[in-house]
Amino acid sequence: MKCKEANINLLSYLDGELNTEQQGRVEQHLASCKQCQGALENLKQIYIDIIKGEKEQYQPNPYLATKVWDKIQTSNQTVKVPVIPMRRSTIATLAAAGLAFGIAIGTLFNASLADTNGNNHDQWTQLANEYFPSDVFSPYEILDDNN
């Protein structure tokens, strides 16, 4: 392995992201190359400085753990029953069911009217022919004479 390839893999080596073959090649190169050993030591120092800086910058709240634990304990002791959301969901469900039922009944009623409306003229003509035979008397003759 050459120095360029080793330097590319140094960060992955520190993070433990290399497979065993690559890790072995990097370690073998580091054993024989003082310059890459120095680069690795510099990277380790930078990592340590960054981690120390982050630790100092972000101090944990010492009371946070006790607050969270107390909140968990009190929430386990008091069980809330969601009464109002259940009622609202029941009302919404019944309203939706009623609306669907109304649409279904309206569609069936409209379909039955559509059948009678289409045959309505034929039915009235048939009834008129049965009750008012054309050879005896037709009430439509008076209308035809006026027009």
N, C-alpha and C. Protein backbone atom coordinates (compact mmCIF):
# COMPACT_ATOMS: atom_id res chain seq x y z
N MET A 1 0.85 -1.17 0.00
CA MET A 1 0.00 0.00 0.00
C MET A 1 0.90 1.23 0.00
N LYS A 2 0.51 2.21 -0.78
CA LYS A 2 1.27 3.45 -0.85
C LYS A 2 0.73 4.45 0.17
N CYS A 3 1.49 5.50 0.42
CA CYS A 3 1.11 6.51 1.42
C CYS A 3 -0.20 7.22 1.06
N LYS A 4 -0.40 7.48 -0.21
CA LYS A 4 -1.62 8.18 -0.64
C LYS A 4 -2.85 7.35 -0.29
N GLU A 5 -2.82 6.07 -0.60
CA GLU A 5 -3.95 5.19 -0.29
C GLU A 5 -4.14 5.04 1.22
N ALA A 6 -3.05 4.97 1.95
CA ALA A 6 -3.12 4.85 3.41
C ALA A 6 -3.75 6.10 4.02
N ASN A 7 -3.33 7.29 3.53
CA ASN A 7 -3.89 8.53 4.06
C ASN A 7 -5.39 8.65 3.76
N ILE A 8 -5.80 8.14 2.62
CA ILE A 8 -7.24 8.15 2.29
C ILE A 8 -8.02 7.29 3.28
N ASN A 9 -7.42 6.19 3.70
CA ASN A 9 -8.11 5.23 4.58
C ASN A 9 -7.90 5.49 6.07
N LEU A 10 -7.13 6.51 6.45
CA LEU A 10 -6.84 6.71 7.87
C LEU A 10 -8.09 7.03 8.70
N LEU A 11 -8.96 7.89 8.20
CA LEU A 11 -10.18 8.22 8.95
C LEU A 11 -11.07 6.98 9.13
N SER A 12 -11.22 6.22 8.06
CA SER A 12 -12.01 4.99 8.16
C SER A 12 -11.35 3.99 9.11
N TYR A 13 -10.03 3.99 9.12
CA TYR A 13 -9.30 3.11 10.03
C TYR A 13 -9.57 3.49 11.48
N LEU A 14 -9.53 4.80 11.77
CA LEU A 14 -9.81 5.26 13.14
C LEU A 14 -11.25 4.95 13.55
N ASP A 15 -12.18 5.06 12.62
CA ASP A 15 -13.59 4.81 12.94
C ASP A 15 -13.92 3.32 12.95
N GLY A 16 -13.00 2.47 12.48
CA GLY A 16 -13.25 1.04 12.46
C GLY A 16 -14.19 0.62 11.34
N GLU A 17 -14.17 1.36 10.23
CA GLU A 17 -15.08 1.09 9.12
C GLU A 17 -14.47 0.23 8.02
N LEU A 18 -13.20 -0.13 8.15
CA LEU A 18 -12.53 -0.93 7.12
C LEU A 18 -12.78 -2.41 7.37
N ASN A 19 -12.81 -3.18 6.27
CA ASN A 19 -12.91 -4.63 6.45
C ASN A 19 -11.56 -5.16 6.91
N THR A 20 -11.49 -6.41 7.25
CA THR A 20 -10.27 -6.96 7.86
C THR A 20 -9.08 -6.91 6.91
N GLU A 21 -9.31 -7.12 5.63
CA GLU A 21 -8.21 -7.09 4.66
C GLU A 21 -7.62 -5.68 4.56
N GLN A 22 -8.50 -4.68 4.41
CA GLN A 22 -8.03 -3.30 4.29
C GLN A 22 -7.35 -2.85 5.58
N GLN A 23 -7.94 -3.21 6.71
CA GLN A 23 -7.36 -2.84 8.00
C GLN A 23 -5.97 -3.44 8.16
N GLY A 24 -5.80 -4.68 7.75
CA GLY A 24 -4.49 -5.33 7.83
C GLY A 24 -3.46 -4.64 6.94
N ARG A 25 -3.90 -4.22 5.74
CA ARG A 25 -2.98 -3.53 4.83
C ARG A 25 -2.56 -2.17 5.38
N VAL A 26 -3.54 -1.44 5.99
CA VAL A 26 -3.21 -0.13 6.58
C VAL A 26 -2.26 -0.31 7.75
N GLU A 27 -2.51 -1.29 8.61
CA GLU A 27 -1.63 -1.54 9.76
C GLU A 27 -0.23 -1.95 9.30
N GLN A 28 -0.17 -2.74 8.23
CA GLN A 28 1.13 -3.16 7.71
C GLN A 28 1.89 -1.95 7.17
N HIS A 29 1.19 -1.03 6.49
CA HIS A 29 1.85 0.17 5.98
C HIS A 29 2.28 1.08 7.12
N LEU A 30 1.43 1.21 8.15
CA LEU A 30 1.77 2.08 9.28
C LEU A 30 3.00 1.56 10.03
N ALA A 31 3.16 0.23 10.06
CA ALA A 31 4.31 -0.36 10.76
C ALA A 31 5.62 0.01 10.06
N SER A 32 5.57 0.24 8.75
CA SER A 32 6.80 0.52 8.02
C SER A 32 6.98 1.99 7.64
N CYS A 33 5.97 2.85 7.83
CA CYS A 33 6.05 4.24 7.36
C CYS A 33 5.89 5.21 8.53
N LYS A 34 6.96 5.92 8.87
CA LYS A 34 6.93 6.88 9.98
C LYS A 34 6.06 8.09 9.65
N GLN A 35 6.06 8.49 8.40
CA GLN A 35 5.28 9.67 8.00
C GLN A 35 3.77 9.42 8.19
N CYS A 36 3.31 8.28 7.81
CA CYS A 36 1.88 7.94 7.97
C CYS A 36 1.54 7.72 9.46
N GLN A 37 2.50 7.21 10.23
CA GLN A 37 2.27 7.08 11.67
C GLN A 37 2.05 8.46 12.29
N GLY A 38 2.84 9.45 11.86
CA GLY A 38 2.68 10.81 12.36
C GLY A 38 1.34 11.40 11.96
N ALA A 39 0.90 11.11 10.72
CA ALA A 39 -0.41 11.59 10.26
C ALA A 39 -1.52 10.96 11.09
N LEU A 40 -1.37 9.68 11.41
CA LEU A 40 -2.38 8.99 12.24
C LEU A 40 -2.43 9.60 13.63
N GLU A 41 -1.27 9.89 14.22
CA GLU A 41 -1.23 10.50 15.55
C GLU A 41 -1.87 11.89 15.53
N ASN A 42 -1.64 12.66 14.46
CA ASN A 42 -2.28 13.98 14.34
C ASN A 42 -3.80 13.86 14.26
N LEU A 43 -4.28 12.88 13.50
CA LEU A 43 -5.73 12.66 13.39
C LEU A 43 -6.32 12.26 14.74
N LYS A 44 -5.61 11.38 15.47
CA LYS A 44 -6.09 10.98 16.80
C LYS A 44 -6.18 12.19 17.72
N GLN A 45 -5.16 13.06 17.68
CA GLN A 45 -5.16 14.25 18.53
C GLN A 45 -6.32 15.19 18.16
N ILE A 46 -6.54 15.34 16.87
CA ILE A 46 -7.66 16.19 16.43
C ILE A 46 -8.99 15.62 16.90
N TYR A 47 -9.16 14.31 16.77
CA TYR A 47 -10.38 13.68 17.25
C TYR A 47 -10.57 13.91 18.74
N ILE A 48 -9.51 13.73 19.50
CA ILE A 48 -9.58 13.91 20.95
C ILE A 48 -9.94 15.36 21.29
N ASP A 49 -9.31 16.32 20.60
CA ASP A 49 -9.61 17.74 20.85
C ASP A 49 -11.07 18.07 20.50
N ILE A 50 -11.55 17.53 19.41
CA ILE A 50 -12.94 17.78 19.01
C ILE A 50 -13.90 17.21 20.04
N ILE A 51 -13.64 16.00 20.48
CA ILE A 51 -14.52 15.36 21.46
C ILE A 51 -14.50 16.12 22.79
N LYS A 52 -13.31 16.54 23.23
CA LYS A 52 -13.22 17.32 24.48
C LYS A 52 -13.99 18.64 24.34
N GLY A 53 -13.83 19.30 23.19
CA GLY A 53 -14.54 20.56 22.97
C GLY A 53 -16.04 20.39 22.98
N GLU A 54 -16.53 19.32 22.39
CA GLU A 54 -17.97 19.06 22.39
C GLU A 54 -18.47 18.72 23.79
N LYS A 55 -17.66 18.00 24.55
CA LYS A 55 -18.06 17.68 25.92
C LYS A 55 -18.16 18.93 26.77
N GLU A 56 -17.22 19.85 26.59
CA GLU A 56 -17.25 21.09 27.37
C GLU A 56 -18.38 22.01 26.91
N GLN A 57 -18.68 21.99 25.62
CA GLN A 57 -19.70 22.88 25.09
C GLN A 57 -21.10 22.42 25.50
N TYR A 58 -21.31 21.16 25.52
CA TYR A 58 -22.64 20.62 25.81
C TYR A 58 -22.61 19.86 27.13
N GLN A 59 -22.84 20.56 28.20
CA GLN A 59 -22.89 19.93 29.52
C GLN A 59 -24.32 19.43 29.75
N PRO A 60 -24.46 18.22 30.19
CA PRO A 60 -25.81 17.72 30.45
C PRO A 60 -26.41 18.37 31.68
N ASN A 61 -27.71 18.52 31.65
CA ASN A 61 -28.44 19.07 32.78
C ASN A 61 -28.51 18.00 33.86
N PRO A 62 -27.98 18.25 35.06
CA PRO A 62 -27.97 17.21 36.09
C PRO A 62 -29.37 16.85 36.58
N TYR A 63 -30.32 17.73 36.41
CA TYR A 63 -31.68 17.47 36.89
C TYR A 63 -32.57 16.86 35.82
N LEU A 64 -32.07 16.77 34.59
CA LEU A 64 -32.89 16.27 33.50
C LEU A 64 -33.31 14.82 33.72
N ALA A 65 -32.38 13.98 34.13
CA ALA A 65 -32.70 12.57 34.34
C ALA A 65 -33.76 12.40 35.42
N THR A 66 -33.67 13.15 36.51
CA THR A 66 -34.67 13.02 37.57
C THR A 66 -36.02 13.55 37.11
N LYS A 67 -36.02 14.63 36.32
CA LYS A 67 -37.29 15.15 35.79
C LYS A 67 -37.97 14.13 34.88
N VAL A 68 -37.18 13.53 34.01
CA VAL A 68 -37.74 12.54 33.09
C VAL A 68 -38.25 11.33 33.86
N TRP A 69 -37.49 10.87 34.83
CA TRP A 69 -37.91 9.70 35.62
C TRP A 69 -39.20 10.00 36.39
N ASP A 70 -39.29 11.17 37.00
CA ASP A 70 -40.51 11.56 37.71
C ASP A 70 -41.71 11.63 36.77
N LYS A 71 -41.51 12.15 35.60
CA LYS A 71 -42.59 12.25 34.61
C LYS A 71 -43.07 10.87 34.20
N ILE A 72 -42.12 9.95 34.02
CA ILE A 72 -42.50 8.58 33.67
C ILE A 72 -43.29 7.93 34.79
N GLN A 73 -42.85 8.13 36.04
CA GLN A 73 -43.53 7.52 37.17
C GLN A 73 -44.94 8.07 37.33
N THR A 74 -45.11 9.39 37.20
CA THR A 74 -46.45 9.97 37.36
C THR A 74 -47.36 9.60 36.20
N SER A 75 -46.81 9.46 35.00
CA SER A 75 -47.67 9.08 33.86
C SER A 75 -48.10 7.62 33.97
N ASN A 76 -47.29 6.77 34.59
CA ASN A 76 -47.68 5.38 34.77
C ASN A 76 -48.75 5.23 35.85
N GLN A 77 -48.77 6.11 36.83
CA GLN A 77 -49.73 6.01 37.92
C GLN A 77 -51.10 6.51 37.51
N THR A 78 -51.16 7.53 36.71
CA THR A 78 -52.45 8.08 36.30
C THR A 78 -52.74 7.67 34.88
N VAL A 79 -53.74 6.82 34.74
CA VAL A 79 -54.15 6.35 33.41
C VAL A 79 -55.35 7.18 33.00
N LYS A 80 -55.22 7.86 31.89
CA LYS A 80 -56.29 8.70 31.39
C LYS A 80 -57.11 7.92 30.38
N VAL A 81 -58.43 7.99 30.54
CA VAL A 81 -59.33 7.32 29.61
C VAL A 81 -59.82 8.37 28.61
N PRO A 82 -59.57 8.19 27.35
CA PRO A 82 -59.99 9.19 26.36
C PRO A 82 -61.48 9.09 26.07
N VAL A 83 -62.29 9.72 26.92
CA VAL A 83 -63.74 9.65 26.78
C VAL A 83 -64.23 10.55 25.66
N ILE A 84 -63.77 11.79 25.64
CA ILE A 84 -64.27 12.74 24.65
C ILE A 84 -63.86 12.34 23.23
N PRO A 85 -62.62 11.97 22.97
CA PRO A 85 -62.31 11.57 21.61
C PRO A 85 -63.11 10.35 21.15
N MET A 86 -63.42 9.45 22.09
CA MET A 86 -64.21 8.28 21.71
C MET A 86 -65.61 8.71 21.32
N ARG A 87 -66.21 9.64 22.04
CA ARG A 87 -67.55 10.11 21.70
C ARG A 87 -67.54 10.82 20.36
N ARG A 88 -66.55 11.64 20.13
CA ARG A 88 -66.48 12.35 18.85
C ARG A 88 -66.31 11.37 17.71
N SER A 89 -65.49 10.36 17.91
CA SER A 89 -65.29 9.40 16.83
C SER A 89 -66.56 8.58 16.60
N THR A 90 -67.30 8.28 17.66
CA THR A 90 -68.55 7.54 17.50
C THR A 90 -69.57 8.38 16.74
N ILE A 91 -69.66 9.65 17.08
CA ILE A 91 -70.60 10.54 16.39
C ILE A 91 -70.21 10.66 14.92
N ALA A 92 -68.93 10.83 14.66
CA ALA A 92 -68.46 10.95 13.28
C ALA A 92 -68.74 9.67 12.49
N THR A 93 -68.55 8.51 13.14
CA THR A 93 -68.80 7.24 12.48
C THR A 93 -70.28 7.07 12.17
N LEU A 94 -71.13 7.40 13.13
CA LEU A 94 -72.57 7.28 12.90
C LEU A 94 -73.05 8.25 11.82
N ALA A 95 -72.51 9.46 11.82
CA ALA A 95 -72.89 10.42 10.80
C ALA A 95 -72.47 9.95 9.41
N ALA A 96 -71.28 9.38 9.31
CA ALA A 96 -70.82 8.86 8.02
C ALA A 96 -71.67 7.69 7.56
N ALA A 97 -72.03 6.82 8.51
CA ALA A 97 -72.88 5.68 8.16
C ALA A 97 -74.26 6.16 7.72
N GLY A 98 -74.82 7.15 8.42
CA GLY A 98 -76.12 7.70 8.03
C GLY A 98 -76.08 8.34 6.66
N LEU A 99 -75.01 9.06 6.38
CA LEU A 99 -74.85 9.69 5.08
C LEU A 99 -74.75 8.64 3.98
N ALA A 100 -73.97 7.59 4.22
CA ALA A 100 -73.84 6.52 3.23
C ALA A 100 -75.18 5.82 3.02
N PHE A 101 -75.93 5.58 4.09
CA PHE A 101 -77.24 4.95 3.98
C PHE A 101 -78.20 5.83 3.19
N GLY A 102 -78.17 7.13 3.47
CA GLY A 102 -79.04 8.06 2.74
C GLY A 102 -78.71 8.10 1.27
N ILE A 103 -77.43 8.09 0.94
CA ILE A 103 -77.03 8.09 -0.47
C ILE A 103 -77.49 6.81 -1.16
N ALA A 104 -77.35 5.67 -0.47
CA ALA A 104 -77.77 4.39 -1.06
C ALA A 104 -79.28 4.37 -1.29
N ILE A 105 -80.07 4.81 -0.31
CA ILE A 105 -81.52 4.84 -0.46
C ILE A 105 -81.92 5.81 -1.57
N GLY A 106 -81.29 6.98 -1.60
CA GLY A 106 -81.59 7.96 -2.65
C GLY A 106 -81.27 7.43 -4.03
N THR A 107 -80.17 6.71 -4.15
CA THR A 107 -79.80 6.14 -5.44
C THR A 107 -80.81 5.09 -5.87
N LEU A 108 -81.23 4.22 -4.95
CA LEU A 108 -82.22 3.20 -5.28
C LEU A 108 -83.56 3.83 -5.63
N PHE A 109 -83.96 4.84 -4.88
CA PHE A 109 -85.24 5.51 -5.15
C PHE A 109 -85.19 6.21 -6.49
N ASN A 110 -84.09 6.86 -6.79
CA ASN A 110 -83.94 7.55 -8.06
C ASN A 110 -83.94 6.55 -9.21
N ALA A 111 -83.32 5.39 -9.00
CA ALA A 111 -83.31 4.37 -10.06
C ALA A 111 -84.71 3.86 -10.32
N SER A 112 -85.51 3.69 -9.27
CA SER A 112 -86.89 3.22 -9.48
C SER A 112 -87.72 4.29 -10.16
N LEU A 113 -87.50 5.58 -9.87
CA LEU A 113 -88.21 6.65 -10.55
C LEU A 113 -87.79 6.76 -12.00
N ALA A 114 -86.53 6.52 -12.26
CA ALA A 114 -86.04 6.61 -13.63
C ALA A 114 -86.73 5.58 -14.51
N ASP A 115 -86.98 4.38 -13.95
CA ASP A 115 -87.68 3.36 -14.72
C ASP A 115 -89.12 3.77 -15.00
N THR A 116 -89.79 4.32 -13.99
CA THR A 116 -91.19 4.70 -14.20
C THR A 116 -91.30 5.94 -15.06
N ASN A 117 -90.35 6.86 -14.95
CA ASN A 117 -90.39 8.07 -15.77
C ASN A 117 -90.19 7.74 -17.24
N GLY A 118 -89.37 6.81 -17.54
CA GLY A 118 -89.13 6.44 -18.93
C GLY A 118 -90.35 5.78 -19.54
N ASN A 119 -91.05 4.98 -18.76
CA ASN A 119 -92.23 4.26 -19.26
C ASN A 119 -93.52 4.99 -18.93
N ASN A 120 -93.43 6.16 -18.33
CA ASN A 120 -94.60 6.88 -17.87
C ASN A 120 -95.54 7.21 -19.03
N HIS A 121 -95.03 7.73 -20.10
CA HIS A 121 -95.86 8.11 -21.24
C HIS A 121 -96.52 6.87 -21.85
N ASP A 122 -95.75 5.79 -21.94
CA ASP A 122 -96.31 4.55 -22.49
C ASP A 122 -97.41 3.99 -21.61
N GLN A 123 -97.22 4.07 -20.32
CA GLN A 123 -98.24 3.56 -19.39
C GLN A 123 -99.53 4.36 -19.49
N TRP A 124 -99.42 5.68 -19.56
CA TRP A 124 -100.62 6.52 -19.65
C TRP A 124 -101.33 6.30 -20.99
N THR A 125 -100.58 6.12 -22.04
CA THR A 125 -101.21 5.85 -23.34
C THR A 125 -101.94 4.53 -23.32
N GLN A 126 -101.34 3.53 -22.70
CA GLN A 126 -101.98 2.22 -22.59
C GLN A 126 -103.26 2.31 -21.76
N LEU A 127 -103.19 3.03 -20.63
CA LEU A 127 -104.38 3.21 -19.80
C LEU A 127 -105.48 3.96 -20.55
N ALA A 128 -105.10 5.00 -21.29
CA ALA A 128 -106.09 5.77 -22.05
C ALA A 128 -106.73 4.91 -23.12
N ASN A 129 -105.98 4.06 -23.78
CA ASN A 129 -106.54 3.19 -24.82
C ASN A 129 -107.48 2.16 -24.23
N GLU A 130 -107.16 1.66 -22.99
CA GLU A 130 -108.03 0.67 -22.36
C GLU A 130 -109.36 1.29 -21.90
N TYR A 131 -109.29 2.47 -21.29
CA TYR A 131 -110.50 3.07 -20.74
C TYR A 131 -111.28 3.90 -21.76
N PHE A 132 -110.60 4.41 -22.74
CA PHE A 132 -111.26 5.22 -23.77
C PHE A 132 -110.93 4.65 -25.15
N PRO A 133 -111.63 3.63 -25.55
CA PRO A 133 -111.34 3.07 -26.88
C PRO A 133 -111.57 4.14 -27.95
N SER A 134 -110.79 4.10 -28.97
CA SER A 134 -110.85 5.14 -29.99
C SER A 134 -112.13 5.08 -30.82
N ASP A 135 -112.78 3.92 -30.90
CA ASP A 135 -114.01 3.85 -31.69
C ASP A 135 -115.21 4.41 -30.95
N VAL A 136 -115.15 4.51 -29.61
CA VAL A 136 -116.28 5.06 -28.85
C VAL A 136 -116.10 6.56 -28.65
N PHE A 137 -115.08 6.94 -27.89
CA PHE A 137 -114.86 8.35 -27.59
C PHE A 137 -113.40 8.54 -27.20
N SER A 138 -112.80 9.59 -27.64
CA SER A 138 -111.44 9.91 -27.26
C SER A 138 -111.40 11.34 -26.76
N PRO A 139 -110.99 11.56 -25.53
CA PRO A 139 -110.94 12.92 -25.01
C PRO A 139 -109.90 13.76 -25.75
N TYR A 140 -109.01 13.09 -26.45
CA TYR A 140 -107.98 13.83 -27.17
C TYR A 140 -108.51 14.44 -28.46
N GLU A 141 -109.69 13.98 -28.92
CA GLU A 141 -110.26 14.53 -30.16
C GLU A 141 -110.64 15.99 -29.97
N ILE A 142 -111.10 16.33 -28.79
CA ILE A 142 -111.47 17.72 -28.54
C ILE A 142 -110.24 18.59 -28.61
N LEU A 143 -109.15 18.11 -28.06
CA LEU A 143 -107.92 18.88 -28.12
C LEU A 143 -107.39 19.00 -29.55
N ASP A 144 -107.54 17.90 -30.31
CA ASP A 144 -107.04 17.92 -31.69
C ASP A 144 -107.87 18.85 -32.57
N ASP A 145 -109.18 18.97 -32.28
CA ASP A 145 -110.05 19.84 -33.06
C ASP A 145 -109.74 21.31 -32.81
N ASN A 146 -109.34 21.66 -31.61
CA ASN A 146 -109.04 23.05 -31.26
C ASN A 146 -107.73 23.52 -31.86
N ASN A 147 -106.83 22.66 -32.09
CA ASN A 147 -105.52 23.03 -32.61
C ASN A 147 -105.52 23.09 -34.05
